[in-house]
Amino acid sequence: MAIGKKALLRGYPKEGYEGGITFAGLTYEIFDDKEYQIDENWNEDSWDTNVNYINRLIENLNMNKPLRKMDDRDIRDLHNRLSKRDDEGYAYATLNNIGYWYYRIYKEGVRRGYYEDATFCADYYSPSGSGTDFMVRVKKSFTVSEEQRIFLALYKKPEEISGEDLGLLLMFLLAFRENEVCALDYKDIREMKEYPGNACVWVYETTMINTSKRKAGGKTKNASRVIPLYDFLYVYLMKRKTYLEALVESGKLVLKSEYKCVDDLPIVCIGKNYNEKSPTKYLIRRGNELFKELKIEGVSLSELFKDISSGDLDDVGVMEKEPTTYIFRRNRGTSLYNIGMEMYQIQYFMGHEIEDPYYCRNVVTNERELIKIKHKLDSLPVNGFLNGHLDNHNTNLIRKNNSHYREEIQTNEDCEKLKIKINGNEPGDNIYVVLKSLEGIDVSVEYNTEDIKYGRQVNIVSSINGAYKFCDESMV
């Protein structure tokens, strides 16, 4: 056994509140375990170095909290606490090594049967002779299977879904930050005036950290925005609102004095307490639980911290400190890019500064610009999850010098809604549509006679939909 000059901090509680071994207690057990031999390959210098890292953990972690109750928030709080200690001169490499020792000791507790693994960390490290080299990766988006599982886990009946799950559903689909979605009321859902039947969510307030108190504006000056809704999500939210109105009418739900009608109620409530706006911490806690329930892993928090502190993610508008928000926003930003959305549209959608000299925020907020974003959202594969399969008729037909044309569209037997979008090549073209043999199907037709222009972004919608369709068929 190698003993250096540095002594392991002793005297901290070995057992936490409500029972259960603490980080200090497990550390003492490991160091006193002659068979485990944690210091088998250490010399005096490496003893001092490693014990110093472990001591930083012992004195900075909650000494009374059992390890079985620790999760990602404890790692995040630890990192924030250590990174602010400028007088100690903690560099990223030092923080990474401290993180490694937390990870190693925590995992040893799992191996010894003290608790189940509850951390949202990936198994990416390899000890080397000179220290610890981390092979880390950041999960930029979910796999097709993961995205389907998340959606299906959250998309419950409007009258059954909890406020937290509804908030996560909106974050997953619309890339909202947690303090943005927690500030939304039902009155913030509004139909477009120029395009009836299409709706948007108006984001202009946020909640303060860990509270339900609201304030104007958001995390950045670009946070206020108007986001188009998917058709199915608009219908879903209206069904939820109708359900709440029925509860009020029957007397089963009594509105608080500050609410005049259901429009004033928070969309993201605490559980099924529809009068109470959920604070962000409840939403994030539920997000962490969801990932664990679905066994979705692959995010290295140490690398995530590095990205956050360095500002490397600012260019895509992902400046978050909560893993749930971070992953949901990166996933949606990636998918928007894949379907050919212009960069200025993505930056607006994410609540980021628009860097395109041809566009400003006021221009994008115009309904004629918003409907363009809405049409691109319609091509996202998530629209096909509802029926358990994808059913897209994306023909992009160009008919030259044809004053009359007939198109036959084959729909599935369970098709209930059909949306037809027609673009004319010349501004001012008169377009007439006659629909036949569509009994029992809700049909809507949108006309656009502006010039058809080629976008400046890649569009791989067909390839993306092919991947989702293949995965969807394999899951049947």
Protein backbone atom coordinates (compact mmCIF):
# COMPACT_ATOMS: atom_id res chain seq x y z
CA MET A 1 0.00 0.00 0.00
CA ALA A 2 1.38 3.38 -1.05
CA ILE A 3 0.96 6.11 1.56
CA GLY A 4 1.80 9.67 0.58
CA LYS A 5 1.79 12.90 2.51
CA LYS A 6 -1.87 13.62 1.79
CA ALA A 7 -4.36 12.14 4.29
CA LEU A 8 -7.85 11.05 3.40
CA LEU A 9 -10.43 13.30 5.04
CA ARG A 10 -12.02 11.34 7.89
CA GLY A 11 -14.84 12.10 10.29
CA TYR A 12 -17.63 12.71 7.77
CA PRO A 13 -20.96 10.86 8.25
CA LYS A 14 -20.94 7.30 6.95
CA GLU A 15 -24.72 7.05 6.91
CA GLY A 16 -27.11 9.63 5.50
CA TYR A 17 -30.64 10.67 6.35
CA GLU A 18 -33.27 7.96 5.97
CA GLY A 19 -30.45 5.44 6.11
CA GLY A 20 -28.11 4.52 3.28
CA ILE A 21 -24.38 4.88 2.85
CA THR A 22 -22.94 8.30 2.02
CA PHE A 23 -20.16 9.09 -0.43
CA ALA A 24 -17.73 9.50 2.49
CA GLY A 25 -18.89 6.24 4.08
CA LEU A 26 -18.41 4.30 0.83
CA THR A 27 -15.01 5.92 0.29
CA TYR A 28 -13.85 4.87 3.75
CA GLU A 29 -15.10 1.33 3.14
CA ILE A 30 -13.24 1.11 -0.17
CA PHE A 31 -9.98 2.46 1.23
CA ASP A 32 -10.18 0.11 4.21
CA ASP A 33 -10.95 -2.89 2.00
CA LYS A 34 -7.62 -4.76 1.77
CA GLU A 35 -8.94 -7.08 -0.92
CA TYR A 36 -10.15 -4.25 -3.19
CA GLN A 37 -6.74 -2.48 -3.11
CA ILE A 38 -7.76 0.80 -4.69
CA ASP A 39 -4.17 2.03 -4.42
CA GLU A 40 -2.55 -1.09 -5.85
CA ASN A 41 -0.68 0.75 -8.63
CA TRP A 42 -0.13 4.05 -6.86
CA ASN A 43 3.20 5.50 -5.84
CA GLU A 44 3.49 8.26 -3.26
CA ASP A 45 2.91 11.04 -5.81
CA SER A 46 -0.16 9.42 -7.35
CA TRP A 47 -1.51 8.77 -3.84
CA ASP A 48 -1.33 12.48 -3.03
CA THR A 49 -2.88 13.46 -6.36
CA ASN A 50 -5.79 11.01 -6.24
CA VAL A 51 -6.51 11.50 -2.53
CA ASN A 52 -6.62 15.24 -3.18
CA TYR A 53 -9.30 14.71 -5.87
CA ILE A 54 -11.31 12.43 -3.57
CA ASN A 55 -11.05 14.87 -0.66
CA ARG A 56 -12.52 17.60 -2.87
CA LEU A 57 -15.52 15.31 -3.38
CA ILE A 58 -15.90 14.46 0.30
CA GLU A 59 -15.93 18.11 1.38
CA ASN A 60 -18.09 19.45 -1.47
CA LEU A 61 -20.81 16.83 -1.80
CA ASN A 62 -23.82 16.91 0.54
CA MET A 63 -22.34 14.99 3.49
CA ASN A 64 -25.71 13.81 4.79
CA LYS A 65 -27.24 12.71 1.49
CA PRO A 66 -27.25 8.94 0.83
CA LEU A 67 -25.62 7.93 -2.44
CA ARG A 68 -28.78 6.11 -3.46
CA LYS A 69 -30.55 9.48 -3.60
CA MET A 70 -27.87 11.24 -5.64
CA ASP A 71 -28.47 11.96 -9.33
CA ASP A 72 -27.35 14.25 -12.12
CA ARG A 73 -28.28 17.39 -10.23
CA ASP A 74 -25.71 16.55 -7.55
CA ILE A 75 -23.02 16.18 -10.25
CA ARG A 76 -24.10 19.45 -11.80
CA ASP A 77 -24.11 21.28 -8.46
CA LEU A 78 -20.70 19.84 -7.65
CA HIS A 79 -19.29 21.04 -10.96
CA ASN A 80 -20.76 24.52 -10.51
CA ARG A 81 -19.39 24.75 -6.97
CA LEU A 82 -15.88 23.68 -7.93
CA SER A 83 -15.71 25.70 -11.15
CA LYS A 84 -16.42 28.92 -9.21
CA ARG A 85 -13.46 28.42 -6.89
CA ASP A 86 -11.06 30.57 -8.86
CA ASP A 87 -8.68 30.84 -5.93
CA GLU A 88 -8.09 27.07 -6.17
CA GLY A 89 -7.28 27.31 -9.86
CA TYR A 90 -9.38 24.31 -10.87
CA ALA A 91 -8.79 23.73 -14.57
CA TYR A 92 -11.07 21.63 -16.74
CA ALA A 93 -8.61 18.70 -16.53
CA THR A 94 -8.81 18.84 -12.72
CA LEU A 95 -12.60 18.95 -12.78
CA ASN A 96 -12.60 16.02 -15.17
CA ASN A 97 -10.41 13.94 -12.82
CA ILE A 98 -12.59 14.83 -9.83
CA GLY A 99 -15.58 13.73 -11.91
CA TYR A 100 -13.82 10.46 -12.70
CA TRP A 101 -13.40 9.65 -9.01
CA TYR A 102 -17.03 10.42 -8.28
CA TYR A 103 -17.98 8.12 -11.15
CA ARG A 104 -15.65 5.30 -10.05
CA ILE A 105 -16.65 5.34 -6.38
CA TYR A 106 -20.34 5.68 -7.24
CA LYS A 107 -20.14 2.70 -9.62
CA GLU A 108 -18.39 0.63 -6.96
CA GLY A 109 -21.39 1.25 -4.69
CA VAL A 110 -23.64 -0.09 -7.46
CA ARG A 111 -21.41 -3.17 -7.76
CA ARG A 112 -21.60 -3.74 -4.01
CA GLY A 113 -25.39 -3.64 -4.12
CA TYR A 114 -26.00 -0.48 -2.09
CA TYR A 115 -28.30 1.07 -4.72
CA GLU A 116 -29.33 0.93 -8.36
CA ASP A 117 -27.48 3.06 -10.89
CA ALA A 118 -29.41 6.34 -11.15
CA THR A 119 -26.87 8.60 -12.87
CA PHE A 120 -27.33 9.79 -16.41
CA CYS A 121 -23.72 9.17 -17.42
CA ALA A 122 -22.20 7.17 -20.23
CA ASP A 123 -19.55 4.53 -19.63
CA TYR A 124 -16.82 6.34 -21.54
CA TYR A 125 -13.46 6.43 -19.86
CA SER A 126 -10.24 4.46 -19.99
CA PRO A 127 -7.60 4.69 -17.25
CA SER A 128 -4.08 5.13 -18.56
CA GLY A 129 -0.69 5.08 -16.91
CA SER A 130 -0.42 8.86 -16.75
CA GLY A 131 -3.93 9.59 -15.57
CA THR A 132 -7.43 9.27 -16.91
CA ASP A 133 -8.28 9.82 -20.56
CA PHE A 134 -11.97 10.28 -21.15
CA MET A 135 -13.43 9.11 -24.43
CA VAL A 136 -16.52 11.27 -24.35
CA ARG A 137 -19.32 12.06 -26.72
CA VAL A 138 -22.28 14.38 -26.58
CA LYS A 139 -25.62 13.06 -27.71
CA LYS A 140 -26.70 15.55 -30.35
CA SER A 141 -29.94 13.82 -31.19
CA PHE A 142 -31.94 10.72 -30.37
CA THR A 143 -32.01 7.58 -32.45
CA VAL A 144 -35.21 6.87 -34.38
CA SER A 145 -36.22 4.25 -31.82
CA GLU A 146 -35.48 6.58 -28.88
CA GLU A 147 -37.48 9.41 -30.42
CA GLN A 148 -40.46 7.13 -30.94
CA ARG A 149 -40.27 5.78 -27.40
CA ILE A 150 -40.08 9.26 -25.89
CA PHE A 151 -43.03 10.49 -27.92
CA LEU A 152 -45.22 7.48 -27.16
CA ALA A 153 -44.31 7.65 -23.44
CA LEU A 154 -45.40 11.30 -23.25
CA TYR A 155 -48.32 11.37 -25.67
CA LYS A 156 -51.14 10.26 -23.38
CA LYS A 157 -54.84 11.06 -23.55
CA PRO A 158 -55.41 14.83 -23.08
CA GLU A 159 -57.54 14.24 -19.99
CA GLU A 160 -55.00 11.86 -18.41
CA ILE A 161 -51.61 13.46 -19.01
CA SER A 162 -49.91 15.14 -16.04
CA GLY A 163 -48.79 18.75 -16.23
CA GLU A 164 -45.13 17.73 -16.13
CA ASP A 165 -45.49 15.23 -18.99
CA LEU A 166 -47.37 17.81 -21.05
CA GLY A 167 -44.53 20.26 -20.46
CA LEU A 168 -41.94 17.69 -21.55
CA LEU A 169 -44.02 16.89 -24.65
CA LEU A 170 -43.94 20.56 -25.66
CA MET A 171 -40.22 20.77 -24.94
CA PHE A 172 -39.59 17.65 -26.99
CA LEU A 173 -41.67 18.82 -29.97
CA LEU A 174 -41.03 22.59 -29.95
CA ALA A 175 -37.58 22.96 -28.33
CA PHE A 176 -38.86 25.17 -25.50
CA ARG A 177 -36.64 25.85 -22.53
CA GLU A 178 -38.06 24.62 -19.24
CA ASN A 179 -38.72 28.13 -17.89
CA GLU A 180 -40.47 29.09 -21.14
CA VAL A 181 -42.91 26.20 -21.21
CA CYS A 182 -43.71 26.59 -17.49
CA ALA A 183 -44.88 30.17 -18.14
CA LEU A 184 -47.40 29.25 -20.86
CA ASP A 185 -51.16 29.63 -20.37
CA TYR A 186 -53.91 28.38 -22.68
CA LYS A 187 -54.53 31.94 -23.88
CA ASP A 188 -51.04 31.88 -25.40
CA ILE A 189 -52.31 29.47 -28.08
CA ARG A 190 -53.73 31.59 -30.91
CA GLU A 191 -54.90 30.89 -34.43
CA MET A 192 -53.30 32.70 -37.35
CA LYS A 193 -55.53 35.40 -38.80
CA GLU A 194 -54.43 34.94 -42.41
CA TYR A 195 -54.38 31.13 -42.22
CA PRO A 196 -57.38 29.90 -40.20
CA GLY A 197 -56.98 26.41 -38.79
CA ASN A 198 -53.26 26.97 -38.17
CA ALA A 199 -52.18 28.01 -34.69
CA CYS A 200 -49.11 29.30 -32.90
CA VAL A 201 -47.81 29.50 -29.35
CA TRP A 202 -46.79 32.97 -28.21
CA VAL A 203 -43.71 32.90 -25.97
CA TYR A 204 -43.19 36.21 -24.19
CA GLU A 205 -42.72 35.31 -20.51
CA THR A 206 -40.61 32.91 -18.46
CA THR A 207 -40.69 31.63 -14.90
CA MET A 208 -37.96 32.46 -12.41
CA ILE A 209 -35.54 29.72 -11.32
CA ASN A 210 -37.18 26.99 -9.20
CA THR A 211 -40.35 29.03 -8.74
CA SER A 212 -43.62 29.54 -10.60
CA LYS A 213 -43.29 33.33 -10.55
CA ARG A 214 -43.26 34.85 -14.02
CA LYS A 215 -41.29 37.66 -15.58
CA ALA A 216 -41.37 39.34 -18.97
CA GLY A 217 -38.83 38.19 -21.55
CA GLY A 218 -36.56 35.21 -21.31
CA LYS A 219 -33.03 33.92 -21.05
CA THR A 220 -31.88 36.09 -23.95
CA LYS A 221 -33.30 39.10 -25.76
CA ASN A 222 -34.32 36.73 -28.56
CA ALA A 223 -36.38 34.37 -26.38
CA SER A 224 -39.73 36.03 -27.15
CA ARG A 225 -41.14 34.46 -30.31
CA VAL A 226 -44.20 32.99 -32.00
CA ILE A 227 -43.91 29.25 -32.76
CA PRO A 228 -46.27 27.43 -35.19
CA LEU A 229 -47.96 24.30 -33.85
CA TYR A 230 -48.18 20.92 -35.52
CA ASP A 231 -51.79 20.25 -36.55
CA PHE A 232 -52.12 17.25 -34.24
CA LEU A 233 -50.63 19.16 -31.31
CA TYR A 234 -53.07 22.05 -31.79
CA VAL A 235 -55.99 19.60 -31.78
CA TYR A 236 -54.51 17.85 -28.74
CA LEU A 237 -54.18 21.06 -26.72
CA MET A 238 -57.70 22.16 -27.65
CA LYS A 239 -59.06 18.79 -26.46
CA ARG A 240 -57.20 19.32 -23.19
CA LYS A 241 -58.69 22.79 -22.86
CA THR A 242 -62.20 21.48 -23.64
CA TYR A 243 -61.76 18.82 -20.96
CA LEU A 244 -60.83 21.47 -18.39
CA GLU A 245 -63.80 23.61 -19.39
CA ALA A 246 -66.07 20.59 -18.82
CA LEU A 247 -64.56 20.11 -15.35
CA VAL A 248 -65.25 23.75 -14.50
CA GLU A 249 -68.80 23.57 -15.83
CA SER A 250 -69.54 20.44 -13.79
CA GLY A 251 -68.09 21.98 -10.64
CA LYS A 252 -65.31 19.39 -10.36
CA LEU A 253 -62.71 22.11 -10.93
CA VAL A 254 -63.00 25.40 -9.06
CA LEU A 255 -60.78 28.10 -10.53
CA LYS A 256 -58.61 30.16 -8.22
CA SER A 257 -59.67 33.78 -7.85
CA GLU A 258 -56.83 34.96 -10.08
CA TYR A 259 -58.20 32.95 -13.02
CA LYS A 260 -61.28 34.24 -14.84
CA CYS A 261 -61.56 31.29 -17.22
CA VAL A 262 -59.68 28.21 -18.47
CA ASP A 263 -57.69 30.41 -20.88
CA ASP A 264 -55.87 31.79 -17.82
CA LEU A 265 -54.86 28.36 -16.49
CA PRO A 266 -51.24 27.21 -16.82
CA ILE A 267 -50.59 24.58 -19.47
CA VAL A 268 -47.88 23.00 -17.34
CA CYS A 269 -49.49 22.39 -13.96
CA ILE A 270 -48.34 20.36 -10.96
CA GLY A 271 -49.52 16.83 -11.62
CA LYS A 272 -53.29 17.16 -12.10
CA ASN A 273 -53.64 20.21 -9.90
CA TYR A 274 -54.74 22.39 -12.82
CA ASN A 275 -54.72 25.61 -10.79
CA GLU A 276 -51.04 25.37 -9.84
CA LYS A 277 -48.28 26.33 -12.25
CA SER A 278 -45.38 23.88 -12.11
CA PRO A 279 -41.93 25.22 -11.17
CA THR A 280 -39.09 24.20 -13.48
CA LYS A 281 -37.49 21.84 -10.96
CA TYR A 282 -40.50 19.50 -11.13
CA LEU A 283 -40.24 19.40 -14.90
CA ILE A 284 -36.53 18.63 -14.89
CA ARG A 285 -36.98 15.94 -12.24
CA ARG A 286 -39.63 14.27 -14.39
CA GLY A 287 -37.33 14.53 -17.42
CA ASN A 288 -34.56 12.69 -15.61
CA GLU A 289 -37.04 10.01 -14.50
CA LEU A 290 -38.25 9.61 -18.08
CA PHE A 291 -34.76 8.96 -19.44
CA LYS A 292 -34.13 6.38 -16.76
CA GLU A 293 -37.49 4.68 -17.35
CA LEU A 294 -36.78 4.41 -21.07
CA LYS A 295 -33.12 3.51 -20.46
CA ILE A 296 -31.94 6.22 -22.82
CA GLU A 297 -28.27 6.85 -22.14
CA GLY A 298 -25.22 8.19 -23.91
CA VAL A 299 -24.74 11.69 -22.54
CA SER A 300 -21.45 12.52 -20.93
CA LEU A 301 -22.16 15.23 -18.39
CA SER A 302 -18.52 16.18 -18.06
CA GLU A 303 -18.34 16.96 -21.78
CA LEU A 304 -21.69 18.71 -21.59
CA PHE A 305 -20.29 21.00 -18.88
CA LYS A 306 -17.31 21.72 -21.08
CA ASP A 307 -19.57 22.70 -23.98
CA ILE A 308 -21.73 24.89 -21.75
CA SER A 309 -18.80 26.72 -20.16
CA SER A 310 -16.96 27.22 -23.44
CA GLY A 311 -19.97 28.50 -25.35
CA ASP A 312 -19.42 25.96 -28.14
CA LEU A 313 -23.16 25.39 -28.44
CA ASP A 314 -24.14 29.04 -28.79
CA ASP A 315 -24.14 28.88 -32.58
CA VAL A 316 -27.14 26.55 -32.61
CA GLY A 317 -28.98 28.34 -29.83
CA VAL A 318 -28.44 25.63 -27.23
CA MET A 319 -27.26 27.40 -24.09
CA GLU A 320 -28.76 25.23 -21.38
CA LYS A 321 -27.57 23.86 -18.05
CA GLU A 322 -30.25 21.18 -17.67
CA PRO A 323 -29.58 17.88 -19.50
CA THR A 324 -33.26 17.38 -20.38
CA THR A 325 -33.57 20.82 -21.97
CA TYR A 326 -30.17 20.51 -23.62
CA ILE A 327 -30.90 17.16 -25.29
CA PHE A 328 -34.45 18.03 -26.36
CA ARG A 329 -33.30 21.29 -27.94
CA ARG A 330 -30.30 19.76 -29.70
CA ASN A 331 -32.44 16.94 -31.02
CA ARG A 332 -35.07 19.29 -32.41
CA GLY A 333 -32.48 21.68 -33.83
CA THR A 334 -30.83 18.77 -35.66
CA SER A 335 -34.16 17.55 -37.05
CA LEU A 336 -35.09 21.04 -38.28
CA TYR A 337 -31.80 21.23 -40.15
CA ASN A 338 -32.39 17.80 -41.69
CA ILE A 339 -35.77 18.75 -43.17
CA GLY A 340 -34.31 21.72 -45.00
CA MET A 341 -35.30 24.56 -42.70
CA GLU A 342 -33.29 27.70 -43.39
CA MET A 343 -30.76 28.69 -40.75
CA TYR A 344 -32.57 31.94 -39.93
CA GLN A 345 -35.76 29.93 -39.36
CA ILE A 346 -33.95 27.50 -37.04
CA GLN A 347 -32.37 30.36 -35.10
CA TYR A 348 -35.77 32.02 -34.69
CA PHE A 349 -37.45 28.74 -33.71
CA MET A 350 -34.80 28.08 -31.05
CA GLY A 351 -35.03 31.61 -29.63
CA HIS A 352 -31.56 32.55 -30.81
CA GLU A 353 -30.18 35.62 -32.53
CA ILE A 354 -30.85 35.68 -36.28
CA GLU A 355 -27.53 36.19 -38.02
CA ASP A 356 -28.86 36.25 -41.60
CA PRO A 357 -28.52 39.82 -42.98
CA TYR A 358 -31.61 39.27 -45.18
CA TYR A 359 -33.96 38.66 -42.26
CA CYS A 360 -34.82 40.20 -38.89
CA ARG A 361 -37.07 38.90 -36.12
CA ASN A 362 -39.96 41.19 -37.04
CA VAL A 363 -40.00 39.78 -40.56
CA VAL A 364 -40.04 36.15 -39.36
CA THR A 365 -42.90 36.90 -36.97
CA ASN A 366 -45.06 37.81 -39.96
CA GLU A 367 -47.68 35.10 -40.55
CA ARG A 368 -46.53 34.59 -44.14
CA GLU A 369 -43.13 33.59 -42.77
CA LEU A 370 -44.59 31.57 -39.92
CA ILE A 371 -46.71 29.49 -42.29
CA LYS A 372 -43.52 28.55 -44.18
CA ILE A 373 -42.05 27.23 -40.94
CA LYS A 374 -45.33 25.45 -40.24
CA HIS A 375 -45.26 23.69 -43.63
CA LYS A 376 -41.74 22.44 -42.99
CA LEU A 377 -42.74 21.20 -39.54
CA ASP A 378 -45.44 19.12 -41.24
CA SER A 379 -42.73 17.01 -42.85
CA LEU A 380 -41.19 15.93 -39.52
CA PRO A 381 -41.61 12.16 -38.92
CA VAL A 382 -43.19 12.81 -35.51
CA ASN A 383 -46.43 13.59 -37.39
CA GLY A 384 -46.58 9.93 -38.37
CA PHE A 385 -46.19 8.49 -34.88
CA LEU A 386 -49.85 8.96 -34.04
CA ASN A 387 -51.13 6.19 -36.30
CA GLY A 388 -48.17 3.90 -35.71
CA HIS A 389 -46.95 4.44 -39.25
CA LEU A 390 -45.94 7.16 -41.70
CA ASP A 391 -48.31 8.17 -44.46
CA ASN A 392 -46.89 11.01 -46.53
CA HIS A 393 -47.95 12.18 -49.99
CA ASN A 394 -45.14 14.59 -50.81
CA THR A 395 -45.39 14.74 -54.60
CA ASN A 396 -44.03 18.23 -55.38
CA LEU A 397 -45.64 17.99 -58.84
CA ILE A 398 -44.73 20.62 -61.41
CA ARG A 399 -47.24 20.87 -64.29
CA LYS A 400 -46.28 23.22 -67.09
CA ASN A 401 -48.91 24.83 -69.33
CA ASN A 402 -51.68 22.65 -67.92
CA SER A 403 -54.88 24.53 -67.21
CA HIS A 404 -56.61 21.33 -66.11
CA TYR A 405 -55.07 18.48 -64.18
CA ARG A 406 -56.45 15.52 -62.27
CA GLU A 407 -54.58 13.86 -59.40
CA GLU A 408 -55.71 10.69 -57.65
CA ILE A 409 -54.58 10.30 -54.05
CA GLN A 410 -54.75 6.90 -52.37
CA THR A 411 -55.29 7.13 -48.61
CA ASN A 412 -55.19 4.52 -45.88
CA GLU A 413 -58.48 3.06 -44.70
CA ASP A 414 -58.15 4.78 -41.31
CA CYS A 415 -57.34 8.18 -42.81
CA GLU A 416 -59.45 10.88 -41.14
CA LYS A 417 -57.73 14.05 -42.28
CA LEU A 418 -56.13 15.10 -45.57
CA LYS A 419 -54.30 18.37 -46.10
CA ILE A 420 -53.61 19.54 -49.66
CA LYS A 421 -51.11 22.36 -50.27
CA ILE A 422 -50.90 23.88 -53.74
CA ASN A 423 -48.24 26.34 -54.87
CA GLY A 424 -48.64 28.31 -58.07
CA ASN A 425 -45.56 29.15 -60.15
CA GLU A 426 -46.73 32.66 -60.95
CA PRO A 427 -47.87 35.30 -58.48
CA GLY A 428 -51.55 36.03 -58.88
CA ASP A 429 -52.43 32.71 -60.53
CA ASN A 430 -56.04 31.72 -59.98
CA ILE A 431 -56.30 28.20 -58.56
CA TYR A 432 -59.54 26.22 -58.47
CA VAL A 433 -59.86 22.80 -56.84
CA VAL A 434 -62.72 20.32 -57.15
CA LEU A 435 -62.77 17.47 -54.63
CA LYS A 436 -64.60 14.21 -55.27
CA SER A 437 -65.08 10.84 -53.50
CA LEU A 438 -63.80 11.93 -50.08
CA GLU A 439 -66.61 10.75 -47.81
CA GLY A 440 -65.74 10.69 -44.11
CA ILE A 441 -62.40 12.50 -44.58
CA ASP A 442 -61.75 16.01 -43.28
CA VAL A 443 -60.06 17.79 -46.20
CA SER A 444 -58.37 21.19 -46.07
CA VAL A 445 -56.72 22.96 -48.99
CA GLU A 446 -54.08 25.69 -48.74
CA TYR A 447 -53.14 27.86 -51.74
CA ASN A 448 -49.92 29.75 -52.26
CA THR A 449 -49.21 31.64 -55.45
CA GLU A 450 -45.84 33.11 -54.53
CA ASP A 451 -42.75 32.20 -56.52
CA ILE A 452 -41.29 28.81 -55.65
CA LYS A 453 -37.71 29.40 -54.61
CA TYR A 454 -34.92 27.00 -53.89
CA GLY A 455 -33.82 27.13 -50.26
CA ARG A 456 -30.29 27.62 -49.05
CA GLN A 457 -30.34 24.59 -46.78
CA VAL A 458 -30.15 20.87 -47.45
CA ASN A 459 -33.44 18.96 -47.51
CA ILE A 460 -33.25 15.22 -46.78
CA VAL A 461 -36.87 14.73 -45.73
CA SER A 462 -37.35 11.67 -47.94
CA SER A 463 -34.28 9.95 -46.48
CA ILE A 464 -35.31 10.80 -42.92
CA ASN A 465 -38.85 9.53 -43.46
CA GLY A 466 -37.47 6.37 -45.02
CA ALA A 467 -35.41 5.68 -41.90
CA TYR A 468 -38.39 6.23 -39.62
CA LYS A 469 -40.65 4.10 -41.78
CA PHE A 470 -38.13 1.24 -41.75
CA CYS A 471 -37.77 1.46 -37.96
CA ASP A 472 -41.52 1.74 -37.53
CA GLU A 473 -42.14 -1.41 -39.58
CA SER A 474 -39.49 -3.32 -37.64
CA MET A 475 -41.25 -2.45 -34.36
CA VAL A 476 -44.62 -3.84 -35.48
